[in-house]
Protein backbone atom coordinates (compact mmCIF):
# COMPACT_ATOMS: atom_id res chain seq x y z
CA MET A 1 97.83 81.39 119.15
CA ILE A 2 96.51 84.02 121.55
CA THR A 3 95.29 87.28 120.06
CA THR A 4 94.61 90.36 122.16
CA THR A 5 91.62 92.53 121.37
CA PRO A 6 93.68 95.49 120.09
CA ASP A 7 95.63 93.13 117.83
CA LEU A 8 92.44 91.55 116.51
CA VAL A 9 90.91 94.96 115.82
CA ALA A 10 94.04 96.04 113.93
CA GLU A 11 94.16 92.81 111.93
CA ALA A 12 90.48 93.06 111.05
CA LEU A 13 90.85 96.64 109.84
CA PHE A 14 93.97 95.65 107.91
CA VAL A 15 92.10 92.96 105.96
CA SER A 16 89.08 95.17 105.32
CA ASP A 17 88.51 96.93 102.02
CA LEU A 18 88.68 100.40 103.58
CA GLN A 19 91.30 102.64 101.99
CA PRO A 20 93.11 105.63 103.50
CA SER A 21 91.99 107.74 100.55
CA GLU A 22 88.37 107.24 101.59
CA THR A 23 88.94 109.03 104.93
CA PRO A 24 86.57 106.58 106.65
CA THR A 25 84.34 107.72 109.47
CA PRO A 26 84.56 106.06 112.88
CA GLN A 27 81.26 104.30 112.09
CA ALA A 28 82.64 102.96 108.80
CA ILE A 29 85.76 101.73 110.58
CA GLN A 30 83.75 99.99 113.30
CA SER A 31 81.48 98.39 110.71
CA ALA A 32 84.41 97.16 108.63
CA ILE A 33 86.11 95.67 111.69
CA SER A 34 82.93 93.85 112.73
CA ARG A 35 82.38 92.47 109.23
CA MET A 36 85.93 91.13 108.96
CA ILE A 37 85.81 89.48 112.39
CA GLN A 38 82.49 87.86 111.50
CA ARG A 39 83.81 86.76 108.11
CA TYR A 40 87.27 85.48 109.06
CA GLY A 41 87.37 85.13 112.84
CA ALA A 42 90.49 85.92 114.86
CA GLU A 43 92.67 83.25 113.29
CA GLY A 44 91.54 84.10 109.77
CA CYS A 45 92.31 87.80 110.17
CA ALA A 46 95.77 86.97 111.50
CA ALA A 47 96.37 84.55 108.63
CA CYS A 48 95.36 87.15 106.04
CA VAL A 49 97.71 89.70 107.59
CA ALA A 50 100.56 87.17 107.62
CA THR A 51 99.93 86.32 103.98
CA GLU A 52 100.05 89.96 102.95
CA PHE A 53 103.27 90.56 104.87
CA GLY A 54 104.76 87.51 103.16
CA ASP A 55 103.55 88.36 99.65
CA HIS A 56 103.74 92.18 99.68
CA PRO A 57 105.82 93.32 102.66
CA GLU A 58 106.38 96.90 101.50
CA THR A 59 102.66 97.49 100.95
CA ALA A 60 101.67 95.65 104.13
CA VAL A 61 103.98 97.78 106.26
CA ARG A 62 102.40 100.98 104.93
CA ARG A 63 98.89 99.62 105.42
CA MET A 64 99.56 98.49 108.99
CA GLY A 65 101.03 101.92 109.71
CA TRP A 66 97.80 103.49 108.49
CA VAL A 67 95.76 101.01 110.54
CA ARG A 68 97.68 101.79 113.74
CA GLN A 69 97.43 105.53 113.08
CA ILE A 70 93.68 105.49 112.39
CA LEU A 71 92.98 103.30 115.43
CA GLY A 72 94.96 105.71 117.58
CA THR A 73 92.59 108.50 116.60
CA VAL A 74 89.28 106.63 116.81
């Protein structure tokens, strides 16, 4: 599987513990992304995202929407 950098960044933020209600700063977002990539790697982040979409699709769609929105502003 080939992952592009923007996809990896989105997947890493998706699997992080940051919540929209926290209104995370750009620094907090960058830190969370780095931690998740270090913890799971590219394949692990993608696998976690896939699992969430399989187990909780309605929640995962909302979270990925937030992820894409926040990354568009950072």
